[in-house]
Amino acid sequence: MKHTMVIKPTTLVLGELSAQTTSAFQFEGLVQLSCDEITQLDRSAFEALAPKVVLSPLFCEGLDCIDFGQFLTDMKFDGRYLILADDLPNPTMISREFKQLYPTLEFEILTTKEIFARLDR
């Protein structure tokens, strides 16, 4: 009897993120997809990836965090969604809107300053 071990990733990164940005986080099982690739996944394909954390930029290849929030909600994602953004004048406003749209989704918006602060620890 042949046994196959399936190794599931725990972190899914959407789009291109710099090595410096990704080094601010400690990843287990990193998988990177383009932003449009994730929207083409059906539920079984997404569940096969089994991410616990999803990272994306605020805007990516004609999509944004609102699009990804909808996708993750549709997939019944129960992990953590990290939205990486350049410095924003009012991230609280975006957080409030996102929370109204996707109240069950655990998310955090991190600005460039916050990301680099993690690197300095």
Foldseek 3Di string as FASTA:
>chain_A
DDDDDQDAFAEEEEDDDDPLLVVLDDGGRYDYDYNVVLVPDDLVRVVSNVYQEYEYEQDGDNDGVLVVLVSCVVSVHQHEYEYEYADDPCVVVVVVVSCVVRVRHHYDYDYPVRSVVSVVD
